[in-house]
């Protein structure tokens, strides 16, 4: 798992969404994003934005070229949406509030 961004991504999703261990999940997602795994970069950036860490979220999203290349971000979202269908995810009020600040 140490040098495997895809393994970190999967572990991050499980820890964050299934087990509710957000710190460990974010660690794995960030490790995967830092390993240049686009899905993890998108997920980690999105989670940072929704948790109110706008600077960190925008920094990671910028590496995907989200302002100039919407196709890359759309592809990531489609792949992530398939991955997330296995998890029961509830939208927290703070997530919605933070996303409105963008």
Protein backbone atom coordinates (compact mmCIF):
# COMPACT_ATOMS: atom_id res chain seq x y z
CA UNK A 1 0.00 0.00 0.00
CA UNK A 2 2.94 2.32 0.71
CA UNK A 3 3.64 3.18 -2.93
CA UNK A 4 0.28 2.22 -4.40
CA UNK A 5 -1.98 5.27 -4.91
CA UNK A 6 -4.96 3.12 -5.95
CA UNK A 7 -4.72 1.05 -2.76
CA UNK A 8 -4.55 4.24 -0.67
CA UNK A 9 -7.62 5.53 -2.53
CA UNK A 10 -9.67 2.41 -1.82
CA UNK A 11 -8.55 2.31 1.81
CA UNK A 12 -9.35 6.02 2.15
CA UNK A 13 -12.90 5.54 0.86
CA UNK A 14 -13.48 2.60 3.21
CA UNK A 15 -12.10 4.40 6.25
CA UNK A 16 -13.85 7.70 5.58
CA UNK A 17 -17.26 6.54 4.40
CA UNK A 18 -17.72 3.02 5.75
CA UNK A 19 -15.91 3.02 9.07
CA UNK A 20 -16.37 6.73 9.83
CA UNK A 21 -12.68 7.15 10.56
CA UNK A 22 -12.32 10.50 8.84
CA UNK A 23 -8.72 11.20 9.91
CA UNK A 24 -7.44 7.86 8.63
CA UNK A 25 -9.57 8.13 5.49
CA UNK A 26 -8.24 11.59 4.71
CA UNK A 27 -4.69 10.39 5.30
CA UNK A 28 -5.10 7.63 2.70
CA UNK A 29 -6.92 9.86 0.22
CA UNK A 30 -4.23 12.52 0.54
CA UNK A 31 -1.49 9.91 0.12
CA UNK A 32 -3.21 8.72 -3.04
CA UNK A 33 -3.70 12.26 -4.32
CA UNK A 34 -0.04 13.02 -3.66
CA UNK A 35 0.73 9.88 -5.69
CA UNK A 36 -0.98 11.57 -8.64
CA UNK A 37 -4.14 9.44 -8.64
CA UNK A 38 -6.76 11.75 -10.23
CA UNK A 39 -9.82 10.22 -8.53
CA UNK A 40 -8.20 10.65 -5.13
CA UNK A 41 -7.13 14.19 -5.97
CA UNK A 42 -10.71 15.06 -6.84
CA UNK A 43 -12.17 13.29 -3.77
CA UNK A 44 -9.63 14.75 -1.35
CA UNK A 45 -10.07 18.25 -2.83
CA UNK A 46 -13.84 17.95 -2.66
CA UNK A 47 -13.76 16.73 0.93
CA UNK A 48 -11.43 19.53 1.94
CA UNK A 49 -13.74 22.09 0.32
CA UNK A 50 -16.82 20.60 1.96
CA UNK A 51 -15.12 20.47 5.36
CA UNK A 52 -14.29 24.18 5.14
CA UNK A 53 -10.60 23.88 4.30
CA UNK A 54 -11.01 25.95 1.15
CA UNK A 55 -7.34 26.72 0.60
CA UNK A 56 -6.30 23.05 0.71
CA UNK A 57 -9.29 21.95 -1.37
CA UNK A 58 -8.69 24.52 -4.08
CA UNK A 59 -5.00 23.66 -4.19
CA UNK A 60 -5.71 19.98 -4.87
CA UNK A 61 -8.53 20.72 -7.32
CA UNK A 62 -6.23 23.12 -9.19
CA UNK A 63 -3.87 20.24 -9.96
CA UNK A 64 -6.71 18.75 -12.04
CA UNK A 65 -7.12 22.01 -13.93
CA UNK A 66 -10.71 22.25 -12.70
CA UNK A 67 -11.14 25.84 -13.82
CA UNK A 68 -9.90 25.27 -17.38
CA UNK A 69 -10.62 21.60 -18.06
CA UNK A 70 -14.08 20.58 -16.90
CA UNK A 71 -13.82 17.27 -18.78
CA UNK A 72 -11.12 15.95 -16.46
CA UNK A 73 -13.19 16.81 -13.40
CA UNK A 74 -16.34 15.31 -14.95
CA UNK A 75 -14.50 12.05 -15.69
CA UNK A 76 -13.28 11.88 -12.09
CA UNK A 77 -16.79 12.52 -10.76
CA UNK A 78 -18.31 9.76 -12.92
CA UNK A 79 -15.71 7.24 -11.71
CA UNK A 80 -16.04 8.32 -8.09
CA UNK A 81 -19.81 8.17 -8.19
CA UNK A 82 -19.57 4.50 -9.17
CA UNK A 83 -17.17 3.85 -6.28
CA UNK A 84 -19.37 5.60 -3.75
CA UNK A 85 -22.57 3.70 -4.58
CA UNK A 86 -21.38 0.99 -2.18
CA UNK A 87 -21.43 3.36 0.79
CA UNK A 88 -24.30 4.87 2.75
CA UNK A 89 -23.43 8.56 2.69
CA UNK A 90 -25.40 11.31 4.36
CA UNK A 91 -24.87 14.97 3.54
CA UNK A 92 -23.96 16.98 6.62
CA UNK A 93 -25.29 20.51 6.96
CA UNK A 94 -21.79 21.94 7.34
CA UNK A 95 -20.79 20.39 4.00
CA UNK A 96 -23.63 22.15 2.20
CA UNK A 97 -22.88 25.43 4.02
CA UNK A 98 -19.18 25.27 3.13
CA UNK A 99 -19.83 24.44 -0.52
CA UNK A 100 -22.07 27.51 -0.78
CA UNK A 101 -19.06 29.65 0.22
CA UNK A 102 -17.32 28.76 -3.03
